[in-house]
Protein backbone atom coordinates (compact mmCIF):
# COMPACT_ATOMS: atom_id res chain seq x y z
CA MET A 1 -17.60 31.05 -0.52
CA SER A 2 -16.13 30.78 -4.00
CA LEU A 3 -17.55 28.62 -6.77
CA ILE A 4 -15.18 26.11 -8.34
CA TYR A 5 -14.03 27.27 -11.78
CA GLN A 6 -16.35 30.27 -11.56
CA ASN A 7 -14.85 32.31 -14.41
CA GLU A 8 -14.64 29.32 -16.73
CA SER A 9 -18.24 28.34 -15.96
CA PHE A 10 -19.37 31.89 -16.63
CA GLU A 11 -17.67 31.90 -20.05
CA ILE A 12 -19.17 28.53 -21.01
CA SER A 13 -22.62 29.61 -19.82
CA GLY A 14 -22.37 32.81 -21.88
CA ALA A 15 -21.54 30.79 -24.98
CA ALA A 16 -24.50 28.46 -24.35
CA MET A 17 -26.84 31.43 -23.88
CA ALA A 18 -25.63 32.97 -27.13
CA VAL A 19 -26.36 29.73 -28.99
CA TYR A 20 -29.83 29.53 -27.49
CA ASN A 21 -30.57 33.18 -28.27
CA LYS A 22 -29.69 32.58 -31.93
CA LEU A 23 -31.30 29.15 -32.41
CA GLY A 24 -34.00 28.87 -29.75
CA CYS A 25 -35.31 25.42 -28.88
CA GLY A 26 -36.46 22.61 -31.13
CA PHE A 27 -33.28 21.37 -32.79
CA LEU A 28 -31.47 18.10 -32.24
CA GLU A 29 -28.64 17.96 -29.72
CA SER A 30 -26.12 17.59 -32.57
CA VAL A 31 -27.12 21.01 -33.97
CA TYR A 32 -26.50 22.69 -30.62
CA GLN A 33 -23.21 20.85 -30.26
CA GLU A 34 -21.97 22.15 -33.60
CA ALA A 35 -23.17 25.68 -32.88
CA LEU A 36 -21.61 25.64 -29.40
CA GLU A 37 -18.29 24.58 -30.88
CA ILE A 38 -18.41 27.62 -33.17
CA GLU A 39 -19.24 29.84 -30.20
CA PHE A 40 -16.37 28.38 -28.17
CA LYS A 41 -14.00 29.17 -31.05
CA HIS A 42 -15.30 32.75 -31.32
CA ARG A 43 -14.83 33.30 -27.59
CA GLY A 44 -11.45 31.59 -27.31
CA ILE A 45 -12.74 28.95 -24.89
CA PRO A 46 -10.39 25.96 -24.96
CA TYR A 47 -12.29 22.74 -25.58
CA LYS A 48 -12.14 19.19 -26.85
CA ARG A 49 -15.21 17.83 -28.60
CA GLU A 50 -16.43 14.26 -28.20
CA CYS A 51 -13.28 13.19 -26.42
CA ASP A 52 -12.93 9.87 -24.66
CA ILE A 53 -12.55 10.11 -20.90
CA GLY A 54 -11.20 7.32 -18.77
CA ILE A 55 -13.40 5.70 -16.16
CA TYR A 56 -11.92 4.56 -12.88
CA TYR A 57 -13.10 1.73 -10.70
CA ASP A 58 -11.53 1.38 -7.28
CA GLY A 59 -8.63 3.52 -8.45
CA ILE A 60 -8.02 1.40 -11.56
CA LEU A 61 -8.45 2.84 -15.06
CA LEU A 62 -10.91 0.71 -17.04
CA ASN A 63 -10.54 -0.11 -20.72
CA LYS A 64 -14.04 1.25 -21.35
CA THR A 65 -14.28 5.02 -21.74
CA PHE A 66 -17.15 7.43 -22.13
CA ARG A 67 -17.38 10.16 -24.69
CA ALA A 68 -18.03 13.65 -23.35
CA ASP A 69 -19.83 16.14 -25.57
CA PHE A 70 -17.11 18.63 -24.60
CA VAL A 71 -14.37 19.05 -22.08
CA CYS A 72 -13.52 22.72 -21.60
CA TYR A 73 -10.39 24.15 -20.02
CA ASP A 74 -9.16 20.54 -19.57
CA ARG A 75 -11.22 20.33 -16.37
CA ILE A 76 -14.96 20.81 -16.96
CA ILE A 77 -17.21 18.14 -18.50
CA ILE A 78 -20.01 19.53 -20.66
CA GLU A 79 -23.01 17.31 -21.33
CA LEU A 80 -25.60 18.66 -23.78
CA LYS A 81 -29.27 17.84 -23.92
CA ALA A 82 -32.15 18.99 -26.12
CA VAL A 83 -35.15 17.83 -24.09
CA SER A 84 -38.21 19.67 -22.80
CA CYS A 85 -36.91 19.34 -19.23
CA LEU A 86 -34.01 17.69 -17.49
CA ASP A 87 -34.85 14.64 -15.43
CA ASP A 88 -33.18 12.60 -12.72
CA GLY A 89 -31.70 10.29 -15.36
CA ASN A 90 -29.87 13.21 -16.99
CA ARG A 91 -28.55 14.33 -13.63
CA ALA A 92 -27.51 10.79 -12.68
CA GLN A 93 -25.60 10.49 -15.95
CA MET A 94 -23.53 13.57 -15.11
CA ARG A 95 -23.10 12.51 -11.49
CA ASN A 96 -21.78 9.13 -12.65
CA TYR A 97 -19.43 10.74 -15.18
CA LEU A 98 -17.95 12.89 -12.43
CA LYS A 99 -17.76 10.07 -9.91
CA ALA A 100 -16.03 7.72 -12.37
CA THR A 101 -13.50 10.29 -13.62
CA LYS A 102 -11.10 12.69 -11.96
CA TYR A 103 -13.11 15.76 -12.97
CA LYS A 104 -14.54 18.01 -10.25
CA LEU A 105 -17.15 19.96 -12.23
CA GLY A 106 -19.71 19.16 -14.88
CA LEU A 107 -22.17 21.43 -16.62
CA LEU A 108 -25.41 19.89 -17.80
CA ILE A 109 -26.74 22.19 -20.52
CA ASN A 110 -30.26 21.78 -21.90
CA PHE A 111 -31.27 23.64 -25.06
CA GLY A 112 -34.72 22.02 -25.32
CA SER A 113 -36.75 24.23 -23.01
CA PRO A 114 -38.86 27.01 -24.57
CA LYS A 115 -38.16 29.05 -21.42
CA GLY A 116 -34.45 29.37 -22.21
CA VAL A 117 -31.25 27.42 -21.91
CA ILE A 118 -31.00 25.54 -18.61
CA ILE A 119 -27.52 25.12 -17.12
CA GLU A 120 -26.99 22.98 -14.05
CA ARG A 121 -23.67 22.77 -12.22
CA ARG A 122 -22.74 19.36 -10.86
CA LEU A 123 -19.82 18.84 -8.48
CA ASN A 124 -17.80 15.74 -7.75
């Protein structure tokens, strides 16, 4: 069984690990976002930062959008956190983003754990 967007996910995860290895935990989410953008550039990972994504209700595009931390490869939503541990609210946020958009994969990346960067794959 093949993982959806396996190679792309691997590249994104490697970039996140590099950021964590250089910065560790304890910074604000905005610091990790800026550092991850630099890492994406170094690795040639195509991305859009803080881009608005349309939300669909019953097949109709709403006027209200949400702002993703990143969208990589035009098909993977990246949501960053800097908390001691991810909770159900964080996971529900990503699940709702995926459900309300046409994206199939989201990566929830947490830089706040002293045990290392936590990356959770979420599928739509």
